[in-house]
Amino acid sequence: MNKTLAERLATAMQERGMSQGALAKATGVAQPTIWRLVKGEAKGSTRLVDIARALSVSVEWLANGDGQMTTEEKMTYPHPPSNEMQLGGVFPVPIFDRDNQQTTDYVYVPVSVESDTCRAFVLERNSGCFEAPAGTVVVVDTAEKPGNGDLVYALVNGSYSVYKFVDGGPTGYLSVDDERVPLAPALDSSVVGVVVFLLRDLKRKK
């Protein structure tokens, strides 16, 4: 694992909870380029420095696998928004309840995923995806189209949760980590949007 650029990039994106679309937006790199890097169809890029900074990982680790993954370098973004209301490189996203209704609460997330179509949800139970256990705050872009392997927030069997999007068929499918659970059709009416950022509660209170 992590022997190739594609594997290291996928690991970093998973650790940071960043979709391909969010990473493209954060770096100014075209999403098809990100897709080719993740799939291993491109062996490198002149924008690896920007990609590493957006993911807050070491450039040497991402490019060659040298050293440690994490870096103390402060995250910077090539194309920061000019919104005077920004506070320290973050912006507010409204939190919605289990019925998909907006509450009066907000969560602050990095400007790299800024969009007027973002909304946040708190998972009340484990999603079935390792990246999104109970208590995780998921930030969803309702306008972004999912790519293969992206996490999405969707309504299945009357409950909202996080799933992995799998290409195939006319609309794609929704999956979880347990391969015994059958795939569910990713209907447009059921998928709220693509998860572009995660805030995990690493120490759950008992």
N, C-alpha and C. Protein backbone atom coordinates (compact mmCIF):
# COMPACT_ATOMS: atom_id res chain seq x y z
N MET A 1 0.84 -1.20 0.00
CA MET A 1 0.00 0.00 0.00
C MET A 1 0.88 1.25 0.00
N ASN A 2 0.45 2.28 -0.68
CA ASN A 2 1.15 3.57 -0.76
C ASN A 2 2.49 3.46 -1.49
N LYS A 3 2.62 2.44 -2.36
CA LYS A 3 3.84 2.30 -3.13
C LYS A 3 3.84 3.17 -4.38
N THR A 4 2.67 3.57 -4.84
CA THR A 4 2.57 4.38 -6.05
C THR A 4 1.98 5.74 -5.72
N LEU A 5 2.16 6.69 -6.63
CA LEU A 5 1.58 8.01 -6.46
C LEU A 5 0.06 7.91 -6.32
N ALA A 6 -0.57 7.07 -7.13
CA ALA A 6 -2.02 6.93 -7.08
C ALA A 6 -2.48 6.45 -5.71
N GLU A 7 -1.77 5.48 -5.13
CA GLU A 7 -2.13 4.95 -3.81
C GLU A 7 -1.93 6.00 -2.73
N ARG A 8 -0.82 6.74 -2.81
CA ARG A 8 -0.56 7.78 -1.80
C ARG A 8 -1.58 8.90 -1.90
N LEU A 9 -1.93 9.29 -3.11
CA LEU A 9 -2.92 10.34 -3.30
C LEU A 9 -4.28 9.90 -2.76
N ALA A 10 -4.67 8.67 -3.05
CA ALA A 10 -5.95 8.15 -2.56
C ALA A 10 -5.96 8.10 -1.04
N THR A 11 -4.84 7.70 -0.43
CA THR A 11 -4.74 7.65 1.03
C THR A 11 -4.90 9.04 1.63
N ALA A 12 -4.20 10.02 1.06
CA ALA A 12 -4.27 11.39 1.58
C ALA A 12 -5.67 11.96 1.44
N MET A 13 -6.32 11.72 0.31
CA MET A 13 -7.68 12.22 0.11
C MET A 13 -8.64 11.57 1.09
N GLN A 14 -8.46 10.28 1.36
CA GLN A 14 -9.32 9.60 2.32
C GLN A 14 -9.11 10.14 3.72
N GLU A 15 -7.84 10.36 4.11
CA GLU A 15 -7.53 10.88 5.44
C GLU A 15 -8.13 12.27 5.64
N ARG A 16 -8.11 13.09 4.59
CA ARG A 16 -8.61 14.46 4.69
C ARG A 16 -10.10 14.57 4.38
N GLY A 17 -10.71 13.47 3.93
CA GLY A 17 -12.13 13.52 3.59
C GLY A 17 -12.42 14.39 2.39
N MET A 18 -11.51 14.44 1.43
CA MET A 18 -11.65 15.29 0.25
C MET A 18 -12.03 14.48 -0.97
N SER A 19 -13.04 14.92 -1.68
CA SER A 19 -13.42 14.28 -2.93
C SER A 19 -12.52 14.80 -4.06
N GLN A 20 -12.60 14.16 -5.21
CA GLN A 20 -11.82 14.61 -6.36
C GLN A 20 -12.22 16.03 -6.76
N GLY A 21 -13.51 16.32 -6.72
CA GLY A 21 -13.98 17.65 -7.07
C GLY A 21 -13.49 18.71 -6.12
N ALA A 22 -13.52 18.39 -4.81
CA ALA A 22 -13.05 19.36 -3.81
C ALA A 22 -11.56 19.61 -3.95
N LEU A 23 -10.79 18.57 -4.23
CA LEU A 23 -9.34 18.74 -4.41
C LEU A 23 -9.05 19.57 -5.66
N ALA A 24 -9.81 19.33 -6.72
CA ALA A 24 -9.63 20.13 -7.94
C ALA A 24 -9.91 21.60 -7.66
N LYS A 25 -10.97 21.86 -6.90
CA LYS A 25 -11.33 23.25 -6.58
C LYS A 25 -10.26 23.90 -5.70
N ALA A 26 -9.70 23.13 -4.75
CA ALA A 26 -8.71 23.67 -3.82
C ALA A 26 -7.39 24.00 -4.50
N THR A 27 -7.05 23.28 -5.55
CA THR A 27 -5.74 23.42 -6.18
C THR A 27 -5.76 24.17 -7.50
N GLY A 28 -6.94 24.28 -8.11
CA GLY A 28 -7.01 24.86 -9.44
C GLY A 28 -6.61 23.88 -10.52
N VAL A 29 -6.45 22.61 -10.16
CA VAL A 29 -6.12 21.55 -11.12
C VAL A 29 -7.41 20.99 -11.70
N ALA A 30 -7.43 20.74 -13.00
CA ALA A 30 -8.64 20.21 -13.64
C ALA A 30 -9.01 18.87 -13.02
N GLN A 31 -10.33 18.66 -12.81
CA GLN A 31 -10.76 17.41 -12.19
C GLN A 31 -10.37 16.17 -12.99
N PRO A 32 -10.40 16.21 -14.34
CA PRO A 32 -9.94 15.03 -15.09
C PRO A 32 -8.48 14.67 -14.78
N THR A 33 -7.65 15.69 -14.51
CA THR A 33 -6.26 15.43 -14.14
C THR A 33 -6.18 14.71 -12.80
N ILE A 34 -6.99 15.19 -11.83
CA ILE A 34 -7.04 14.53 -10.52
C ILE A 34 -7.49 13.09 -10.70
N TRP A 35 -8.49 12.88 -11.53
CA TRP A 35 -9.03 11.53 -11.76
C TRP A 35 -7.94 10.62 -12.33
N ARG A 36 -7.16 11.12 -13.30
CA ARG A 36 -6.11 10.30 -13.90
C ARG A 36 -5.02 9.96 -12.89
N LEU A 37 -4.70 10.92 -12.01
CA LEU A 37 -3.70 10.66 -10.98
C LEU A 37 -4.18 9.59 -10.00
N VAL A 38 -5.45 9.69 -9.58
CA VAL A 38 -6.01 8.72 -8.64
C VAL A 38 -6.07 7.33 -9.25
N LYS A 39 -6.39 7.27 -10.55
CA LYS A 39 -6.51 5.98 -11.22
C LYS A 39 -5.16 5.40 -11.66
N GLY A 40 -4.10 6.19 -11.51
CA GLY A 40 -2.79 5.71 -11.92
C GLY A 40 -2.52 5.86 -13.40
N GLU A 41 -3.40 6.58 -14.10
CA GLU A 41 -3.21 6.77 -15.54
C GLU A 41 -2.22 7.89 -15.84
N ALA A 42 -1.92 8.70 -14.83
CA ALA A 42 -0.89 9.73 -14.95
C ALA A 42 0.16 9.45 -13.88
N LYS A 43 1.42 9.43 -14.25
CA LYS A 43 2.49 9.07 -13.32
C LYS A 43 3.04 10.25 -12.54
N GLY A 44 2.58 11.45 -12.88
CA GLY A 44 3.05 12.63 -12.18
C GLY A 44 2.33 13.86 -12.68
N SER A 45 2.63 15.00 -12.05
CA SER A 45 2.00 16.26 -12.42
C SER A 45 2.90 17.40 -11.98
N THR A 46 2.91 18.47 -12.76
CA THR A 46 3.67 19.66 -12.38
C THR A 46 3.01 20.39 -11.22
N ARG A 47 1.79 19.96 -10.84
CA ARG A 47 1.06 20.63 -9.77
C ARG A 47 1.07 19.83 -8.47
N LEU A 48 2.00 18.90 -8.32
CA LEU A 48 2.03 18.08 -7.11
C LEU A 48 2.25 18.92 -5.85
N VAL A 49 3.00 20.01 -5.98
CA VAL A 49 3.22 20.87 -4.81
C VAL A 49 1.90 21.45 -4.33
N ASP A 50 1.08 21.95 -5.27
CA ASP A 50 -0.22 22.50 -4.90
C ASP A 50 -1.13 21.43 -4.31
N ILE A 51 -1.09 20.24 -4.90
CA ILE A 51 -1.93 19.14 -4.41
C ILE A 51 -1.51 18.74 -3.00
N ALA A 52 -0.20 18.65 -2.76
CA ALA A 52 0.29 18.28 -1.44
C ALA A 52 -0.09 19.32 -0.40
N ARG A 53 0.00 20.59 -0.75
CA ARG A 53 -0.36 21.65 0.19
C ARG A 53 -1.84 21.62 0.52
N ALA A 54 -2.67 21.40 -0.48
CA ALA A 54 -4.12 21.35 -0.25
C ALA A 54 -4.49 20.20 0.67
N LEU A 55 -3.72 19.10 0.59
CA LEU A 55 -3.99 17.92 1.43
C LEU A 55 -3.18 17.95 2.72
N SER A 56 -2.33 18.98 2.88
CA SER A 56 -1.48 19.12 4.05
C SER A 56 -0.61 17.88 4.28
N VAL A 57 0.02 17.43 3.20
CA VAL A 57 0.96 16.30 3.29
C VAL A 57 2.30 16.73 2.71
N SER A 58 3.32 15.97 3.00
CA SER A 58 4.66 16.25 2.50
C SER A 58 4.73 16.04 0.99
N VAL A 59 5.33 17.00 0.29
CA VAL A 59 5.48 16.88 -1.16
C VAL A 59 6.35 15.67 -1.49
N GLU A 60 7.44 15.48 -0.73
CA GLU A 60 8.34 14.36 -0.99
C GLU A 60 7.63 13.03 -0.80
N TRP A 61 6.79 12.96 0.24
CA TRP A 61 6.04 11.71 0.48
C TRP A 61 5.06 11.46 -0.66
N LEU A 62 4.33 12.49 -1.07
CA LEU A 62 3.34 12.31 -2.12
C LEU A 62 4.00 11.92 -3.44
N ALA A 63 5.09 12.59 -3.77
CA ALA A 63 5.73 12.36 -5.07
C ALA A 63 6.50 11.05 -5.13
N ASN A 64 7.26 10.75 -4.05
CA ASN A 64 8.19 9.62 -4.12
C ASN A 64 8.01 8.58 -3.01
N GLY A 65 7.16 8.90 -2.02
CA GLY A 65 7.00 8.00 -0.88
C GLY A 65 8.09 8.16 0.16
N ASP A 66 8.87 9.26 0.07
CA ASP A 66 9.96 9.49 1.01
C ASP A 66 9.46 10.18 2.28
N GLY A 67 9.99 9.78 3.44
CA GLY A 67 9.66 10.45 4.68
C GLY A 67 8.25 10.16 5.17
N GLN A 68 7.75 11.08 6.01
CA GLN A 68 6.44 10.94 6.62
C GLN A 68 5.36 11.59 5.76
N MET A 69 4.14 11.12 5.93
CA MET A 69 3.02 11.66 5.15
C MET A 69 2.70 13.09 5.57
N THR A 70 2.62 13.32 6.88
CA THR A 70 2.17 14.62 7.36
C THR A 70 3.30 15.62 7.34
N THR A 71 2.91 16.89 7.31
CA THR A 71 3.87 17.98 7.29
C THR A 71 3.39 19.08 8.20
N GLU A 72 4.33 19.82 8.75
CA GLU A 72 3.97 20.94 9.63
C GLU A 72 3.69 22.20 8.84
N GLU A 73 3.88 22.13 7.51
CA GLU A 73 3.66 23.32 6.68
C GLU A 73 2.20 23.73 6.72
N LYS A 74 1.94 24.98 6.88
CA LYS A 74 0.58 25.49 6.92
C LYS A 74 -0.10 25.32 5.56
N MET A 75 -1.36 24.90 5.59
CA MET A 75 -2.10 24.71 4.35
C MET A 75 -2.30 26.06 3.65
N THR A 76 -2.00 26.10 2.37
CA THR A 76 -2.27 27.29 1.57
C THR A 76 -3.01 26.87 0.33
N TYR A 77 -3.76 27.80 -0.24
CA TYR A 77 -4.54 27.50 -1.41
C TYR A 77 -4.25 28.53 -2.49
N PRO A 78 -4.00 28.10 -3.72
CA PRO A 78 -3.62 29.02 -4.79
C PRO A 78 -4.70 30.03 -5.14
N HIS A 79 -5.95 29.69 -4.90
CA HIS A 79 -7.03 30.56 -5.33
C HIS A 79 -7.99 30.84 -4.18
N PRO A 80 -7.55 31.57 -3.13
CA PRO A 80 -8.43 31.85 -2.01
C PRO A 80 -9.54 32.81 -2.42
N PRO A 81 -10.75 32.68 -1.85
CA PRO A 81 -11.85 33.57 -2.18
C PRO A 81 -11.60 34.96 -1.62
N SER A 82 -12.22 35.97 -2.23
CA SER A 82 -12.02 37.35 -1.81
C SER A 82 -13.16 37.83 -0.92
N ASN A 83 -13.81 36.93 -0.22
CA ASN A 83 -14.93 37.26 0.65
C ASN A 83 -14.40 37.90 1.94
N GLU A 84 -14.76 39.15 2.21
CA GLU A 84 -14.26 39.85 3.38
C GLU A 84 -14.80 39.26 4.68
N MET A 85 -15.84 38.44 4.58
CA MET A 85 -16.42 37.84 5.77
C MET A 85 -15.68 36.58 6.18
N GLN A 86 -14.70 36.15 5.40
CA GLN A 86 -13.95 34.95 5.77
C GLN A 86 -13.21 35.19 7.08
N LEU A 87 -13.12 34.16 7.89
CA LEU A 87 -12.46 34.25 9.18
C LEU A 87 -11.37 33.19 9.25
N GLY A 88 -10.11 33.61 9.07
CA GLY A 88 -9.01 32.68 9.18
C GLY A 88 -9.04 31.54 8.20
N GLY A 89 -9.50 31.76 6.98
CA GLY A 89 -9.49 30.73 5.97
C GLY A 89 -10.58 29.71 6.10
N VAL A 90 -11.66 30.05 6.80
CA VAL A 90 -12.79 29.14 6.93
C VAL A 90 -14.07 29.86 6.54
N PHE A 91 -15.11 29.09 6.30
CA PHE A 91 -16.41 29.69 6.03
C PHE A 91 -17.50 28.84 6.68
N PRO A 92 -18.64 29.48 7.02
CA PRO A 92 -19.70 28.76 7.74
C PRO A 92 -20.59 27.95 6.80
N VAL A 93 -20.95 26.76 7.24
CA VAL A 93 -21.88 25.90 6.51
C VAL A 93 -23.05 25.59 7.44
N PRO A 94 -24.28 25.80 7.01
CA PRO A 94 -25.43 25.51 7.88
C PRO A 94 -25.57 24.01 8.13
N ILE A 95 -25.94 23.66 9.35
CA ILE A 95 -26.18 22.26 9.70
C ILE A 95 -27.66 21.94 9.53
N PHE A 96 -27.92 20.83 8.86
CA PHE A 96 -29.29 20.37 8.64
C PHE A 96 -29.57 19.16 9.54
N ASP A 97 -30.84 18.98 9.91
CA ASP A 97 -31.20 17.89 10.81
C ASP A 97 -31.47 16.60 10.05
N ARG A 98 -31.92 15.57 10.77
CA ARG A 98 -32.14 14.25 10.18
C ARG A 98 -33.23 14.26 9.11
N ASP A 99 -34.10 15.29 9.15
CA ASP A 99 -35.17 15.40 8.16
C ASP A 99 -34.79 16.32 7.01
N ASN A 100 -33.48 16.65 6.94
CA ASN A 100 -32.96 17.51 5.87
C ASN A 100 -33.52 18.92 5.95
N GLN A 101 -33.77 19.38 7.19
CA GLN A 101 -34.25 20.74 7.42
C GLN A 101 -33.14 21.56 8.08
N GLN A 102 -32.97 22.81 7.63
CA GLN A 102 -31.89 23.64 8.16
C GLN A 102 -32.15 24.02 9.61
N THR A 103 -31.09 23.94 10.43
CA THR A 103 -31.16 24.35 11.83
C THR A 103 -30.52 25.74 11.97
N THR A 104 -30.38 26.21 13.19
CA THR A 104 -29.75 27.51 13.43
C THR A 104 -28.25 27.37 13.70
N ASP A 105 -27.74 26.15 13.63
CA ASP A 105 -26.33 25.89 13.91
C ASP A 105 -25.49 25.89 12.62
N TYR A 106 -24.20 26.20 12.80
CA TYR A 106 -23.27 26.21 11.67
C TYR A 106 -21.98 25.49 12.08
N VAL A 107 -21.26 25.00 11.08
CA VAL A 107 -19.93 24.45 11.29
C VAL A 107 -18.99 25.19 10.35
N TYR A 108 -17.76 25.46 10.82
CA TYR A 108 -16.79 26.19 10.00
C TYR A 108 -15.81 25.21 9.37
N VAL A 109 -15.64 25.33 8.06
CA VAL A 109 -14.78 24.41 7.30
C VAL A 109 -13.84 25.22 6.41
N PRO A 110 -12.76 24.60 5.91
CA PRO A 110 -11.79 25.34 5.07
C PRO A 110 -12.42 25.91 3.81
N VAL A 111 -11.90 27.05 3.38
CA VAL A 111 -12.42 27.70 2.18
C VAL A 111 -12.17 26.89 0.92
N SER A 112 -11.34 25.85 1.02
CA SER A 112 -11.06 25.03 -0.16
C SER A 112 -12.30 24.34 -0.70
N VAL A 113 -13.31 24.17 0.14
CA VAL A 113 -14.54 23.50 -0.30
C VAL A 113 -15.71 24.48 -0.35
N GLU A 114 -15.42 25.77 -0.32
CA GLU A 114 -16.48 26.77 -0.25
C GLU A 114 -17.43 26.68 -1.44
N SER A 115 -18.71 26.69 -1.14
CA SER A 115 -19.74 26.69 -2.17
C SER A 115 -21.06 27.09 -1.53
N ASP A 116 -21.87 27.83 -2.27
CA ASP A 116 -23.19 28.21 -1.78
C ASP A 116 -24.11 27.00 -1.66
N THR A 117 -23.71 25.89 -2.26
CA THR A 117 -24.56 24.70 -2.25
C THR A 117 -24.10 23.67 -1.21
N CYS A 118 -23.24 24.09 -0.28
CA CYS A 118 -22.80 23.19 0.79
C CYS A 118 -23.79 23.19 1.95
N ARG A 119 -23.96 22.06 2.55
CA ARG A 119 -24.73 21.93 3.79
C ARG A 119 -24.09 20.82 4.63
N ALA A 120 -24.28 20.88 5.94
CA ALA A 120 -23.64 19.92 6.84
C ALA A 120 -24.68 19.07 7.56
N PHE A 121 -24.28 17.84 7.87
CA PHE A 121 -25.14 16.90 8.59
C PHE A 121 -24.30 16.19 9.65
N VAL A 122 -24.93 15.81 10.75
CA VAL A 122 -24.26 15.04 11.80
C VAL A 122 -24.78 13.61 11.76
N LEU A 123 -23.88 12.65 11.61
CA LEU A 123 -24.29 11.25 11.55
C LEU A 123 -24.64 10.75 12.95
N GLU A 124 -25.85 10.25 13.10
CA GLU A 124 -26.28 9.75 14.40
C GLU A 124 -25.93 8.29 14.60
N ARG A 125 -25.53 7.61 13.54
CA ARG A 125 -25.14 6.21 13.64
C ARG A 125 -24.02 5.93 12.65
N ASN A 126 -23.34 4.81 12.83
CA ASN A 126 -22.28 4.44 11.90
C ASN A 126 -22.84 4.31 10.49
N SER A 127 -22.10 4.81 9.53
CA SER A 127 -22.60 4.84 8.16
C SER A 127 -22.38 3.53 7.41
N GLY A 128 -21.45 2.72 7.87
CA GLY A 128 -21.07 1.54 7.09
C GLY A 128 -19.82 1.79 6.28
N CYS A 129 -19.37 3.05 6.26
CA CYS A 129 -18.11 3.43 5.62
C CYS A 129 -17.12 3.81 6.72
N PHE A 130 -15.93 3.26 6.66
CA PHE A 130 -14.93 3.48 7.70
C PHE A 130 -14.69 4.96 7.97
N GLU A 131 -14.71 5.77 6.92
CA GLU A 131 -14.37 7.19 7.05
C GLU A 131 -15.42 7.98 7.81
N ALA A 132 -16.64 7.45 7.96
CA ALA A 132 -17.74 8.23 8.52
C ALA A 132 -18.50 7.47 9.60
N PRO A 133 -17.90 7.34 10.80
CA PRO A 133 -18.60 6.69 11.90
C PRO A 133 -19.62 7.63 12.54
N ALA A 134 -20.37 7.13 13.52
CA ALA A 134 -21.34 7.95 14.23
C ALA A 134 -20.65 9.15 14.86
N GLY A 135 -21.33 10.30 14.82
CA GLY A 135 -20.78 11.53 15.37
C GLY A 135 -20.03 12.38 14.36
N THR A 136 -19.76 11.85 13.19
CA THR A 136 -19.05 12.60 12.15
C THR A 136 -19.93 13.71 11.59
N VAL A 137 -19.33 14.89 11.41
CA VAL A 137 -20.01 15.97 10.70
C VAL A 137 -19.59 15.87 9.23
N VAL A 138 -20.55 15.67 8.36
CA VAL A 138 -20.25 15.55 6.93
C VAL A 138 -20.72 16.82 6.22
N VAL A 139 -19.83 17.40 5.44
CA VAL A 139 -20.17 18.59 4.65
C VAL A 139 -20.40 18.12 3.22
N VAL A 140 -21.57 18.43 2.70
CA VAL A 140 -22.02 17.91 1.41
C VAL A 140 -22.23 19.06 0.43
N ASP A 141 -21.72 18.90 -0.79
CA ASP A 141 -22.00 19.84 -1.87
C ASP A 141 -23.12 19.25 -2.70
N THR A 142 -24.28 19.88 -2.63
CA THR A 142 -25.46 19.32 -3.30
C THR A 142 -25.43 19.51 -4.81
N ALA A 143 -24.50 20.33 -5.31
CA ALA A 143 -24.43 20.58 -6.76
C ALA A 143 -23.37 19.74 -7.45
N GLU A 144 -22.49 19.12 -6.67
CA GLU A 144 -21.38 18.36 -7.27
C GLU A 144 -21.84 16.97 -7.68
N LYS A 145 -21.39 16.53 -8.84
CA LYS A 145 -21.72 15.20 -9.34
C LYS A 145 -20.68 14.20 -8.83
N PRO A 146 -21.11 13.05 -8.33
CA PRO A 146 -20.16 12.10 -7.76
C PRO A 146 -19.33 11.38 -8.82
N GLY A 147 -18.09 11.10 -8.48
CA GLY A 147 -17.23 10.26 -9.30
C GLY A 147 -17.05 8.92 -8.62
N ASN A 148 -16.54 7.96 -9.33
CA ASN A 148 -16.37 6.62 -8.78
C ASN A 148 -15.49 6.65 -7.53
N GLY A 149 -15.99 6.10 -6.43
CA GLY A 149 -15.25 6.08 -5.18
C GLY A 149 -15.52 7.24 -4.26
N ASP A 150 -16.22 8.28 -4.74
CA ASP A 150 -16.55 9.42 -3.88
C ASP A 150 -17.54 9.00 -2.81
N LEU A 151 -17.46 9.65 -1.65
CA LEU A 151 -18.48 9.47 -0.63
C LEU A 151 -19.66 10.38 -0.95
N VAL A 152 -20.86 9.88 -0.76
CA VAL A 152 -22.06 10.67 -0.98
C VAL A 152 -22.98 10.53 0.22
N TYR A 153 -23.84 11.52 0.40
CA TYR A 153 -24.86 11.49 1.45
C TYR A 153 -26.18 11.23 0.76
N ALA A 154 -26.85 10.16 1.18
CA ALA A 154 -28.03 9.72 0.43
C ALA A 154 -29.09 9.14 1.35
N LEU A 155 -30.31 9.11 0.83
CA LEU A 155 -31.46 8.54 1.53
C LEU A 155 -31.70 7.13 1.00
N VAL A 156 -31.55 6.14 1.87
CA VAL A 156 -31.77 4.74 1.51
C VAL A 156 -32.64 4.08 2.58
N ASN A 157 -33.71 3.46 2.16
CA ASN A 157 -34.63 2.79 3.09
C ASN A 157 -35.11 3.71 4.21
N GLY A 158 -35.38 4.97 3.85
CA GLY A 158 -35.95 5.91 4.79
C GLY A 158 -34.97 6.59 5.72
N SER A 159 -33.67 6.32 5.60
CA SER A 159 -32.67 6.92 6.48
C SER A 159 -31.54 7.54 5.66
N TYR A 160 -31.04 8.68 6.14
CA TYR A 160 -29.91 9.33 5.49
C TYR A 160 -28.60 8.79 6.07
N SER A 161 -27.62 8.57 5.20
CA SER A 161 -26.32 8.09 5.65
C SER A 161 -25.29 8.34 4.56
N VAL A 162 -24.06 7.96 4.84
CA VAL A 162 -22.96 8.13 3.89
C VAL A 162 -22.69 6.80 3.19
N TYR A 163 -22.49 6.87 1.88
CA TYR A 163 -22.20 5.69 1.06
C TYR A 163 -21.07 6.01 0.10
N LYS A 164 -20.47 4.98 -0.45
CA LYS A 164 -19.51 5.15 -1.54
C LYS A 164 -20.24 5.02 -2.87
N PHE A 165 -19.93 5.93 -3.79
CA PHE A 165 -20.54 5.89 -5.11
C PHE A 165 -19.74 4.97 -6.01
N VAL A 166 -20.44 4.10 -6.72
CA VAL A 166 -19.81 3.15 -7.63
C VAL A 166 -20.38 3.35 -9.02
N ASP A 167 -19.51 3.58 -10.00
CA ASP A 167 -19.97 3.74 -11.39
C ASP A 167 -20.62 2.45 -11.88
N GLY A 168 -21.62 2.63 -12.75
CA GLY A 168 -22.27 1.46 -13.35
C GLY A 168 -23.74 1.70 -13.56
N GLY A 169 -24.28 1.10 -14.62
CA GLY A 169 -25.70 1.27 -14.90
C GLY A 169 -26.02 2.70 -15.29
N PRO A 170 -27.30 3.04 -15.38
CA PRO A 170 -27.69 4.38 -15.81
C PRO A 170 -27.43 5.47 -14.77
N THR A 171 -27.46 5.12 -13.48
CA THR A 171 -27.33 6.15 -12.44
C THR A 171 -26.20 5.89 -11.47
N GLY A 172 -25.54 4.74 -11.54
CA GLY A 172 -24.53 4.38 -10.56
C GLY A 172 -25.15 3.65 -9.38
N TYR A 173 -24.28 3.26 -8.43
CA TYR A 173 -24.75 2.50 -7.27
C TYR A 173 -24.15 3.06 -5.99
N LEU A 174 -24.78 2.71 -4.86
CA LEU A 174 -24.29 3.09 -3.54
C LEU A 174 -23.82 1.83 -2.83
N SER A 175 -22.65 1.93 -2.17
CA SER A 175 -22.11 0.77 -1.48
C SER A 175 -21.59 1.15 -0.11
N VAL A 176 -21.34 0.14 0.73
CA VAL A 176 -20.68 0.32 2.02
C VAL A 176 -19.48 -0.62 2.05
N ASP A 177 -18.71 -0.57 3.14
CA ASP A 177 -17.49 -1.37 3.21
C ASP A 177 -17.77 -2.87 3.30
N ASP A 178 -18.90 -3.24 3.89
CA ASP A 178 -19.25 -4.65 4.04
C ASP A 178 -19.75 -5.18 2.70
N GLU A 179 -18.97 -6.04 2.06
CA GLU A 179 -19.31 -6.54 0.73
C GLU A 179 -20.55 -7.43 0.73
N ARG A 180 -20.99 -7.85 1.92
CA ARG A 180 -22.19 -8.68 1.99
C ARG A 180 -23.46 -7.86 1.80
N VAL A 181 -23.35 -6.53 1.97
CA VAL A 181 -24.50 -5.65 1.79
C VAL A 181 -24.65 -5.36 0.30
N PRO A 182 -25.81 -5.63 -0.28
CA PRO A 182 -25.97 -5.43 -1.73
C PRO A 182 -25.92 -3.96 -2.13
N LEU A 183 -25.52 -3.72 -3.37
CA LEU A 183 -25.50 -2.35 -3.90
C LEU A 183 -26.91 -1.83 -4.03
N ALA A 184 -27.06 -0.51 -3.81
CA ALA A 184 -28.35 0.14 -3.99
C ALA A 184 -28.25 1.12 -5.14
N PRO A 185 -29.27 1.25 -5.98
CA PRO A 185 -29.22 2.22 -7.08
C PRO A 185 -29.06 3.65 -6.56
N ALA A 186 -28.18 4.42 -7.19
CA ALA A 186 -27.95 5.81 -6.78
C ALA A 186 -28.90 6.72 -7.55
N LEU A 187 -30.15 6.72 -7.15
CA LEU A 187 -31.15 7.54 -7.83
C LEU A 187 -30.92 9.01 -7.54
N ASP A 188 -31.19 9.87 -8.55
CA ASP A 188 -31.02 11.31 -8.36
C ASP A 188 -31.85 11.81 -7.19
N SER A 189 -33.01 11.20 -6.97
CA SER A 189 -33.90 11.65 -5.90
C SER A 189 -33.39 11.26 -4.52
N SER A 190 -32.49 10.28 -4.46
CA SER A 190 -32.02 9.79 -3.15
C SER A 190 -30.67 10.38 -2.75
N VAL A 191 -29.85 10.80 -3.71
CA VAL A 191 -28.51 11.33 -3.41
C VAL A 191 -28.60 12.83 -3.14
N VAL A 192 -28.27 13.23 -1.91
CA VAL A 192 -28.30 14.65 -1.54
C VAL A 192 -27.11 15.38 -2.16
N GLY A 193 -25.94 14.77 -2.14
CA GLY A 193 -24.77 15.40 -2.72
C GLY A 193 -23.50 14.65 -2.37
N VAL A 194 -22.37 15.19 -2.83
CA VAL A 194 -21.06 14.58 -2.60
C VAL A 194 -20.46 15.12 -1.31
N VAL A 195 -19.91 14.23 -0.50
CA VAL A 195 -19.23 14.63 0.73
C VAL A 195 -17.88 15.25 0.35
N VAL A 196 -17.69 16.53 0.69
CA VAL A 196 -16.46 17.23 0.33
C VAL A 196 -15.55 17.47 1.54
N PHE A 197 -16.09 17.24 2.75
CA PHE A 197 -15.27 17.44 3.96
C PHE A 197 -15.88 16.66 5.10
N LEU A 198 -15.01 16.12 5.97
CA LEU A 198 -15.46 15.36 7.14
C LEU A 198 -14.82 15.92 8.40
N LEU A 199 -15.60 15.99 9.47
CA LEU A 199 -15.09 16.31 10.80
C LEU A 199 -15.44 15.14 11.70
N ARG A 200 -14.43 14.35 12.06
CA ARG A 200 -14.69 13.15 12.85
C ARG A 200 -14.49 13.41 14.32
N ASP A 201 -15.37 12.84 15.14
CA ASP A 201 -15.23 12.87 16.59
C ASP A 201 -14.33 11.70 16.96
N LEU A 202 -13.04 11.97 17.15
CA LEU A 202 -12.08 10.89 17.35
C LEU A 202 -12.17 10.24 18.72
N LYS A 203 -12.75 10.94 19.69
CA LYS A 203 -12.88 10.38 21.03
C LYS A 203 -14.32 10.51 21.47
N ARG A 204 -15.10 9.48 21.23
CA ARG A 204 -16.52 9.50 21.55
C ARG A 204 -16.72 9.43 23.06
N LYS A 205 -17.64 10.24 23.57
CA LYS A 205 -17.97 10.19 25.00
C LYS A 205 -18.86 8.98 25.26
N LYS A 206 -18.59 8.29 26.35
CA LYS A 206 -19.37 7.11 26.68
C LYS A 206 -20.56 7.49 27.56
